[in-house]
PDB file of N, CA and C in Angstrom:
ATOM      1  N   UNK A   1       0.839  -1.185   0.000  1.00  0.00           N
ATOM      2  CA  UNK A   1       0.000   0.000   0.000  1.00  0.00           C
ATOM      3  C   UNK A   1       0.880   1.242   0.000  1.00  0.00           C
ATOM      4  N   UNK A   2       0.378   2.257  -0.673  1.00  0.00           N
ATOM      5  CA  UNK A   2       1.066   3.544  -0.723  1.00  0.00           C
ATOM      6  C   UNK A   2       0.086   4.659  -0.411  1.00  0.00           C
ATOM      7  N   UNK A   3       0.625   5.744   0.097  1.00  0.00           N
ATOM      8  CA  UNK A   3      -0.157   6.937   0.389  1.00  0.00           C
ATOM      9  C   UNK A   3      -0.242   7.767  -0.890  1.00  0.00           C
ATOM     10  N   UNK A   4      -1.461   8.066  -1.322  1.00  0.00           N
ATOM     11  CA  UNK A   4      -1.657   8.919  -2.491  1.00  0.00           C
ATOM     12  C   UNK A   4      -1.916  10.365  -2.113  1.00  0.00           C
ATOM     13  N   UNK A   5      -2.556  10.567  -0.949  1.00  0.00           N
ATOM     14  CA  UNK A   5      -2.956  11.924  -0.559  1.00  0.00           C
ATOM     15  C   UNK A   5      -3.043  12.005   0.955  1.00  0.00           C
ATOM     16  N   UNK A   6      -2.700  13.159   1.500  1.00  0.00           N
ATOM     17  CA  UNK A   6      -2.824  13.433   2.930  1.00  0.00           C
ATOM     18  C   UNK A   6      -3.675  14.682   3.066  1.00  0.00           C
ATOM     19  N   UNK A   7      -4.650  14.655   3.974  1.00  0.00           N
ATOM     20  CA  UNK A   7      -5.459  15.841   4.229  1.00  0.00           C
ATOM     21  C   UNK A   7      -5.870  15.875   5.687  1.00  0.00           C
ATOM     22  N   UNK A   8      -6.340  17.039   6.114  1.00  0.00           N
ATOM     23  CA  UNK A   8      -6.655  17.283   7.518  1.00  0.00           C
ATOM     24  C   UNK A   8      -8.014  17.941   7.651  1.00  0.00           C
ATOM     25  N   UNK A   9      -8.661  17.683   8.786  1.00  0.00           N
ATOM     26  CA  UNK A   9      -9.766  18.536   9.204  1.00  0.00           C
ATOM     27  C   UNK A   9      -9.332  19.137  10.539  1.00  0.00           C
ATOM     28  N   UNK A  10     -10.235  19.667  11.307  1.00  0.00           N
ATOM     29  CA  UNK A  10      -9.862  20.356  12.541  1.00  0.00           C
ATOM     30  C   UNK A  10      -9.206  19.437  13.570  1.00  0.00           C
ATOM     31  N   UNK A  11      -9.540  18.157  13.549  1.00  0.00           N
ATOM     32  CA  UNK A  11      -9.062  17.263  14.616  1.00  0.00           C
ATOM     33  C   UNK A  11      -8.407  15.975  14.121  1.00  0.00           C
ATOM     34  N   UNK A  12      -8.365  15.742  12.816  1.00  0.00           N
ATOM     35  CA  UNK A  12      -7.862  14.468  12.303  1.00  0.00           C
ATOM     36  C   UNK A  12      -6.900  14.649  11.131  1.00  0.00           C
ATOM     37  N   UNK A  13      -6.088  13.626  10.928  1.00  0.00           N
ATOM     38  CA  UNK A  13      -5.267  13.499   9.729  1.00  0.00           C
ATOM     39  C   UNK A  13      -5.824  12.313   8.951  1.00  0.00           C
ATOM     40  N   UNK A  14      -5.954  12.463   7.653  1.00  0.00           N
ATOM     41  CA  UNK A  14      -6.497  11.420   6.791  1.00  0.00           C
ATOM     42  C   UNK A  14      -5.493  11.062   5.706  1.00  0.00           C
ATOM     43  N   UNK A  15      -5.499   9.801   5.337  1.00  0.00           N
ATOM     44  CA  UNK A  15      -4.679   9.307   4.240  1.00  0.00           C
ATOM     45  C   UNK A  15      -5.585   8.652   3.214  1.00  0.00           C
ATOM     46  N   UNK A  16      -5.345   8.955   1.953  1.00  0.00           N
ATOM     47  CA  UNK A  16      -6.005   8.245   0.856  1.00  0.00           C
ATOM     48  C   UNK A  16      -4.941   7.314   0.284  1.00  0.00           C
ATOM     49  N   UNK A  17      -5.252   6.033   0.274  1.00  0.00           N
ATOM     50  CA  UNK A  17      -4.299   5.018  -0.160  1.00  0.00           C
ATOM     51  C   UNK A  17      -4.507   4.646  -1.615  1.00  0.00           C
ATOM     52  N   UNK A  18      -3.496   4.034  -2.203  1.00  0.00           N
ATOM     53  CA  UNK A  18      -3.617   3.624  -3.603  1.00  0.00           C
ATOM     54  C   UNK A  18      -4.671   2.547  -3.789  1.00  0.00           C
ATOM     55  N   UNK A  19      -5.127   1.941  -2.704  1.00  0.00           N
ATOM     56  CA  UNK A  19      -6.213   0.961  -2.765  1.00  0.00           C
ATOM     57  C   UNK A  19      -7.575   1.636  -2.889  1.00  0.00           C
ATOM     58  N   UNK A  20      -7.591   2.970  -2.713  1.00  0.00           N
ATOM     59  CA  UNK A  20      -8.846   3.710  -2.753  1.00  0.00           C
ATOM     60  C   UNK A  20      -9.434   3.962  -1.378  1.00  0.00           C
ATOM     61  N   UNK A  21      -8.908   3.334  -0.350  1.00  0.00           N
ATOM     62  CA  UNK A  21      -9.404   3.520   1.010  1.00  0.00           C
ATOM     63  C   UNK A  21      -8.902   4.828   1.592  1.00  0.00           C
ATOM     64  N   UNK A  22      -9.742   5.430   2.439  1.00  0.00           N
ATOM     65  CA  UNK A  22      -9.362   6.613   3.193  1.00  0.00           C
ATOM     66  C   UNK A  22      -9.420   6.246   4.662  1.00  0.00           C
ATOM     67  N   UNK A  23      -8.314   6.465   5.360  1.00  0.00           N
ATOM     68  CA  UNK A  23      -8.270   6.200   6.792  1.00  0.00           C
ATOM     69  C   UNK A  23      -7.834   7.471   7.504  1.00  0.00           C
ATOM     70  N   UNK A  24      -8.190   7.583   8.748  1.00  0.00           N
ATOM     71  CA  UNK A  24      -7.802   8.763   9.504  1.00  0.00           C
ATOM     72  C   UNK A  24      -7.603   8.439  10.966  1.00  0.00           C
ATOM     73  N   UNK A  25      -6.825   9.277  11.605  1.00  0.00           N
ATOM     74  CA  UNK A  25      -6.581   9.168  13.037  1.00  0.00           C
ATOM     75  C   UNK A  25      -6.595  10.558  13.641  1.00  0.00           C
ATOM     76  N   UNK A  26      -6.931  10.647  14.927  1.00  0.00           N
ATOM     77  CA  UNK A  26      -6.942  11.959  15.588  1.00  0.00           C
ATOM     78  C   UNK A  26      -5.546  12.565  15.651  1.00  0.00           C
ATOM     79  N   UNK A  27      -5.464  13.854  15.424  1.00  0.00           N
ATOM     80  CA  UNK A  27      -4.192  14.548  15.580  1.00  0.00           C
ATOM     81  C   UNK A  27      -3.689  14.430  17.014  1.00  0.00           C
ATOM     82  N   UNK A  28      -4.596  14.245  17.962  1.00  0.00           N
ATOM     83  CA  UNK A  28      -4.216  14.113  19.374  1.00  0.00           C
ATOM     84  C   UNK A  28      -3.294  12.912  19.611  1.00  0.00           C
ATOM     85  N   UNK A  29      -3.317  11.940  18.716  1.00  0.00           N
ATOM     86  CA  UNK A  29      -2.421  10.796  18.852  1.00  0.00           C
ATOM     87  C   UNK A  29      -0.971  11.177  18.550  1.00  0.00           C
ATOM     88  N   UNK A  30      -0.781  12.285  17.880  1.00  0.00           N
ATOM     89  CA  UNK A  30       0.540  12.724  17.448  1.00  0.00           C
ATOM     90  C   UNK A  30       0.749  14.147  17.960  1.00  0.00           C
ATOM     91  N   UNK A  31       1.324  14.285  19.143  1.00  0.00           N
ATOM     92  CA  UNK A  31       1.396  15.578  19.837  1.00  0.00           C
ATOM     93  C   UNK A  31       2.027  16.685  18.997  1.00  0.00           C
ATOM     94  N   UNK A  32       3.063  16.379  18.245  1.00  0.00           N
ATOM     95  CA  UNK A  32       3.691  17.423  17.424  1.00  0.00           C
ATOM     96  C   UNK A  32       2.728  17.926  16.354  1.00  0.00           C
ATOM     97  N   UNK A  33       1.924  17.029  15.807  1.00  0.00           N
ATOM     98  CA  UNK A  33       0.941  17.451  14.809  1.00  0.00           C
ATOM     99  C   UNK A  33      -0.213  18.195  15.466  1.00  0.00           C
ATOM    100  N   UNK A  34      -0.621  17.726  16.619  1.00  0.00           N
ATOM    101  CA  UNK A  34      -1.728  18.373  17.325  1.00  0.00           C
ATOM    102  C   UNK A  34      -1.394  19.825  17.671  1.00  0.00           C
ATOM    103  N   UNK A  35      -0.139  20.098  17.968  1.00  0.00           N
ATOM    104  CA  UNK A  35       0.283  21.444  18.359  1.00  0.00           C
ATOM    105  C   UNK A  35       0.740  22.307  17.180  1.00  0.00           C
ATOM    106  N   UNK A  36       0.732  21.760  15.990  1.00  0.00           N
ATOM    107  CA  UNK A  36       1.191  22.487  14.800  1.00  0.00           C
ATOM    108  C   UNK A  36       0.097  23.407  14.266  1.00  0.00           C
ATOM    109  N   UNK A  37       0.523  24.422  13.543  1.00  0.00           N
ATOM    110  CA  UNK A  37      -0.442  25.290  12.861  1.00  0.00           C
ATOM    111  C   UNK A  37      -0.939  24.575  11.599  1.00  0.00           C
ATOM    112  N   UNK A  38      -2.017  25.087  11.042  1.00  0.00           N
ATOM    113  CA  UNK A  38      -2.543  24.522   9.789  1.00  0.00           C
ATOM    114  C   UNK A  38      -1.503  24.589   8.685  1.00  0.00           C
ATOM    115  N   UNK A  39      -0.773  25.693   8.640  1.00  0.00           N
ATOM    116  CA  UNK A  39       0.260  25.859   7.622  1.00  0.00           C
ATOM    117  C   UNK A  39       1.390  24.847   7.809  1.00  0.00           C
ATOM    118  N   UNK A  40       1.797  24.619   9.046  1.00  0.00           N
ATOM    119  CA  UNK A  40       2.858  23.643   9.317  1.00  0.00           C
ATOM    120  C   UNK A  40       2.423  22.235   8.921  1.00  0.00           C
ATOM    121  N   UNK A  41       1.172  21.898   9.180  1.00  0.00           N
ATOM    122  CA  UNK A  41       0.679  20.566   8.834  1.00  0.00           C
ATOM    123  C   UNK A  41       0.794  20.306   7.339  1.00  0.00           C
ATOM    124  N   UNK A  42       0.589  21.337   6.548  1.00  0.00           N
ATOM    125  CA  UNK A  42       0.598  21.178   5.094  1.00  0.00           C
ATOM    126  C   UNK A  42       1.998  21.109   4.496  1.00  0.00           C
ATOM    127  N   UNK A  43       3.011  21.398   5.276  1.00  0.00           N
ATOM    128  CA  UNK A  43       4.395  21.358   4.780  1.00  0.00           C
ATOM    129  C   UNK A  43       5.026  20.008   5.101  1.00  0.00           C
ATOM    130  N   UNK A  44       4.581  18.987   4.406  1.00  0.00           N
ATOM    131  CA  UNK A  44       5.082  17.630   4.601  1.00  0.00           C
ATOM    132  C   UNK A  44       5.589  17.085   3.276  1.00  0.00           C
ATOM    133  N   UNK A  45       6.316  15.997   3.367  1.00  0.00           N
ATOM    134  CA  UNK A  45       6.771  15.266   2.183  1.00  0.00           C
ATOM    135  C   UNK A  45       6.421  13.802   2.376  1.00  0.00           C
ATOM    136  N   UNK A  46       6.001  13.154   1.307  1.00  0.00           N
ATOM    137  CA  UNK A  46       5.813  11.708   1.350  1.00  0.00           C
ATOM    138  C   UNK A  46       7.171  11.042   1.176  1.00  0.00           C
ATOM    139  N   UNK A  47       7.364   9.924   1.875  1.00  0.00           N
ATOM    140  CA  UNK A  47       8.609   9.177   1.739  1.00  0.00           C
ATOM    141  C   UNK A  47       8.764   8.616   0.339  1.00  0.00           C
ATOM    142  N   UNK A  48       9.976   8.265  -0.053  1.00  0.00           N
ATOM    143  CA  UNK A  48      10.242   7.802  -1.422  1.00  0.00           C
ATOM    144  C   UNK A  48       9.466   6.545  -1.812  1.00  0.00           C
ATOM    145  N   UNK A  49       9.087   5.733  -0.840  1.00  0.00           N
ATOM    146  CA  UNK A  49       8.320   4.523  -1.137  1.00  0.00           C
ATOM    147  C   UNK A  49       6.820   4.739  -0.993  1.00  0.00           C
ATOM    148  N   UNK A  50       6.421   5.956  -0.602  1.00  0.00           N
ATOM    149  CA  UNK A  50       5.002   6.259  -0.452  1.00  0.00           C
ATOM    150  C   UNK A  50       4.377   5.667   0.783  1.00  0.00           C
ATOM    151  N   UNK A  51       5.203   5.242   1.732  1.00  0.00           N
ATOM    152  CA  UNK A  51       4.671   4.597   2.932  1.00  0.00           C
ATOM    153  C   UNK A  51       4.990   5.364   4.213  1.00  0.00           C
ATOM    154  N   UNK A  52       5.352   6.640   4.067  1.00  0.00           N
ATOM    155  CA  UNK A  52       5.641   7.456   5.245  1.00  0.00           C
ATOM    156  C   UNK A  52       5.423   8.931   4.910  1.00  0.00           C
ATOM    157  N   UNK A  53       5.320   9.722   5.975  1.00  0.00           N
ATOM    158  CA  UNK A  53       5.124  11.165   5.852  1.00  0.00           C
ATOM    159  C   UNK A  53       6.155  11.831   6.752  1.00  0.00           C
ATOM    160  N   UNK A  54       6.770  12.904   6.251  1.00  0.00           N
ATOM    161  CA  UNK A  54       7.800  13.600   7.015  1.00  0.00           C
ATOM    162  C   UNK A  54       7.514  15.091   7.059  1.00  0.00           C
ATOM    163  N   UNK A  55       7.606  15.670   8.263  1.00  0.00           N
ATOM    164  CA  UNK A  55       7.502  17.101   8.480  1.00  0.00           C
ATOM    165  C   UNK A  55       8.853  17.584   8.995  1.00  0.00           C
ATOM    166  N   UNK A  56       9.651  18.150   8.119  1.00  0.00           N
ATOM    167  CA  UNK A  56      10.985  18.639   8.492  1.00  0.00           C
ATOM    168  C   UNK A  56      10.888  19.656   9.624  1.00  0.00           C
ATOM    169  N   UNK A  57      10.030  20.639   9.436  1.00  0.00           N
ATOM    170  CA  UNK A  57       9.895  21.733  10.400  1.00  0.00           C
ATOM    171  C   UNK A  57       9.459  21.248  11.778  1.00  0.00           C
ATOM    172  N   UNK A  58       8.641  20.208  11.811  1.00  0.00           N
ATOM    173  CA  UNK A  58       8.118  19.689  13.083  1.00  0.00           C
ATOM    174  C   UNK A  58       8.959  18.544  13.640  1.00  0.00           C
ATOM    175  N   UNK A  59       9.941  18.086  12.860  1.00  0.00           N
ATOM    176  CA  UNK A  59      10.762  16.945  13.242  1.00  0.00           C
ATOM    177  C   UNK A  59       9.864  15.742  13.567  1.00  0.00           C
ATOM    178  N   UNK A  60       8.938  15.461  12.655  1.00  0.00           N
ATOM    179  CA  UNK A  60       7.966  14.374  12.851  1.00  0.00           C
ATOM    180  C   UNK A  60       7.950  13.472  11.637  1.00  0.00           C
ATOM    181  N   UNK A  61       7.885  12.187  11.891  1.00  0.00           N
ATOM    182  CA  UNK A  61       7.765  11.171  10.846  1.00  0.00           C
ATOM    183  C   UNK A  61       6.671  10.199  11.249  1.00  0.00           C
ATOM    184  N   UNK A  62       5.795   9.883  10.309  1.00  0.00           N
ATOM    185  CA  UNK A  62       4.755   8.877  10.543  1.00  0.00           C
ATOM    186  C   UNK A  62       4.853   7.827   9.448  1.00  0.00           C
ATOM    187  N   UNK A  63       4.774   6.588   9.844  1.00  0.00           N
ATOM    188  CA  UNK A  63       4.723   5.508   8.863  1.00  0.00           C
ATOM    189  C   UNK A  63       3.273   5.165   8.590  1.00  0.00           C
ATOM    190  N   UNK A  64       3.019   4.643   7.421  1.00  0.00           N
ATOM    191  CA  UNK A  64       1.675   4.164   7.101  1.00  0.00           C
ATOM    192  C   UNK A  64       1.258   3.116   8.119  1.00  0.00           C
ATOM    193  N   UNK A  65       2.191   2.291   8.514  1.00  0.00           N
ATOM    194  CA  UNK A  65       1.911   1.243   9.499  1.00  0.00           C
ATOM    195  C   UNK A  65       1.350   1.812  10.806  1.00  0.00           C
ATOM    196  N   UNK A  66       1.794   2.999  11.198  1.00  0.00           N
ATOM    197  CA  UNK A  66       1.320   3.595  12.458  1.00  0.00           C
ATOM    198  C   UNK A  66      -0.169   3.916  12.418  1.00  0.00           C
ATOM    199  N   UNK A  67      -0.737   4.032  11.221  1.00  0.00           N
ATOM    200  CA  UNK A  67      -2.167   4.298  11.110  1.00  0.00           C
ATOM    201  C   UNK A  67      -3.005   3.045  11.345  1.00  0.00           C
ATOM    202  N   UNK A  68      -2.359   1.914  11.417  1.00  0.00           N
ATOM    203  CA  UNK A  68      -3.039   0.647  11.664  1.00  0.00           C
ATOM    204  C   UNK A  68      -2.667   0.090  13.026  1.00  0.00           C
ATOM    205  N   UNK A  69      -2.459   0.975  13.990  1.00  0.00           N
ATOM    206  CA  UNK A  69      -2.157   0.578  15.361  1.00  0.00           C
ATOM    207  C   UNK A  69      -3.472   0.151  16.000  1.00  0.00           C
ATOM    208  N   UNK A  70      -3.698  -1.129  16.094  1.00  0.00           N
ATOM    209  CA  UNK A  70      -4.991  -1.635  16.545  1.00  0.00           C
ATOM    210  C   UNK A  70      -5.192  -1.509  18.053  1.00  0.00           C
ATOM    211  N   UNK A  71      -4.241  -0.910  18.746  1.00  0.00           N
ATOM    212  CA  UNK A  71      -4.449  -0.599  20.159  1.00  0.00           C
ATOM    213  C   UNK A  71      -5.289   0.666  20.284  1.00  0.00           C
ATOM    214  N   UNK A  72      -5.476   1.340  19.183  1.00  0.00           N
ATOM    215  CA  UNK A  72      -6.259   2.568  19.149  1.00  0.00           C
ATOM    216  C   UNK A  72      -7.439   2.369  18.208  1.00  0.00           C
ATOM    217  N   UNK A  73      -8.454   3.180  18.377  1.00  0.00           N
ATOM    218  CA  UNK A  73      -9.629   3.102  17.508  1.00  0.00           C
ATOM    219  C   UNK A  73      -9.318   3.757  16.168  1.00  0.00           C
ATOM    220  N   UNK A  74      -9.568   3.044  15.070  1.00  0.00           N
ATOM    221  CA  UNK A  74      -9.383   3.621  13.738  1.00  0.00           C
ATOM    222  C   UNK A  74     -10.570   4.496  13.392  1.00  0.00           C
ATOM    223  N   UNK A  75     -10.314   5.554  12.657  1.00  0.00           N
ATOM    224  CA  UNK A  75     -11.368   6.452  12.193  1.00  0.00           C
ATOM    225  C   UNK A  75     -11.414   6.396  10.680  1.00  0.00           C
ATOM    226  N   UNK A  76     -12.591   6.348  10.148  1.00  0.00           N
ATOM    227  CA  UNK A  76     -12.780   6.339   8.710  1.00  0.00           C
ATOM    228  C   UNK A  76     -13.449   7.632   8.283  1.00  0.00           C
ATOM    229  N   UNK A  77     -13.036   8.149   7.167  1.00  0.00           N
ATOM    230  CA  UNK A  77     -13.609   9.405   6.675  1.00  0.00           C
ATOM    231  C   UNK A  77     -15.083   9.225   6.391  1.00  0.00           C
ATOM    232  N   UNK A  78     -15.834  10.209   6.762  1.00  0.00           N
ATOM    233  CA  UNK A  78     -17.278  10.214   6.486  1.00  0.00           C
ATOM    234  C   UNK A  78     -17.492  10.989   5.194  1.00  0.00           C
ATOM    235  N   UNK A  79     -17.537  10.246   4.095  1.00  0.00           N
ATOM    236  CA  UNK A  79     -17.630  10.870   2.777  1.00  0.00           C
ATOM    237  C   UNK A  79     -19.046  10.727   2.246  1.00  0.00           C
TER     238      UNK A  79
END
């Protein structure tokens, strides 16, 4: 699986995968993202394999795998 798109609402980060699925998790799970401005959130890069997200300015990295942490409740986009 690869990340095709990353987007945010007021409280969540969402990923659109190459499978067509959209998954999301609360920004509260990622303190650096939760405390970031909207502009900072948008300044990210996808990893070369499409399976990670990096925020240079925030010194934050998230793997696609971290979105499937089953110790936490998964959120699905309400489209």
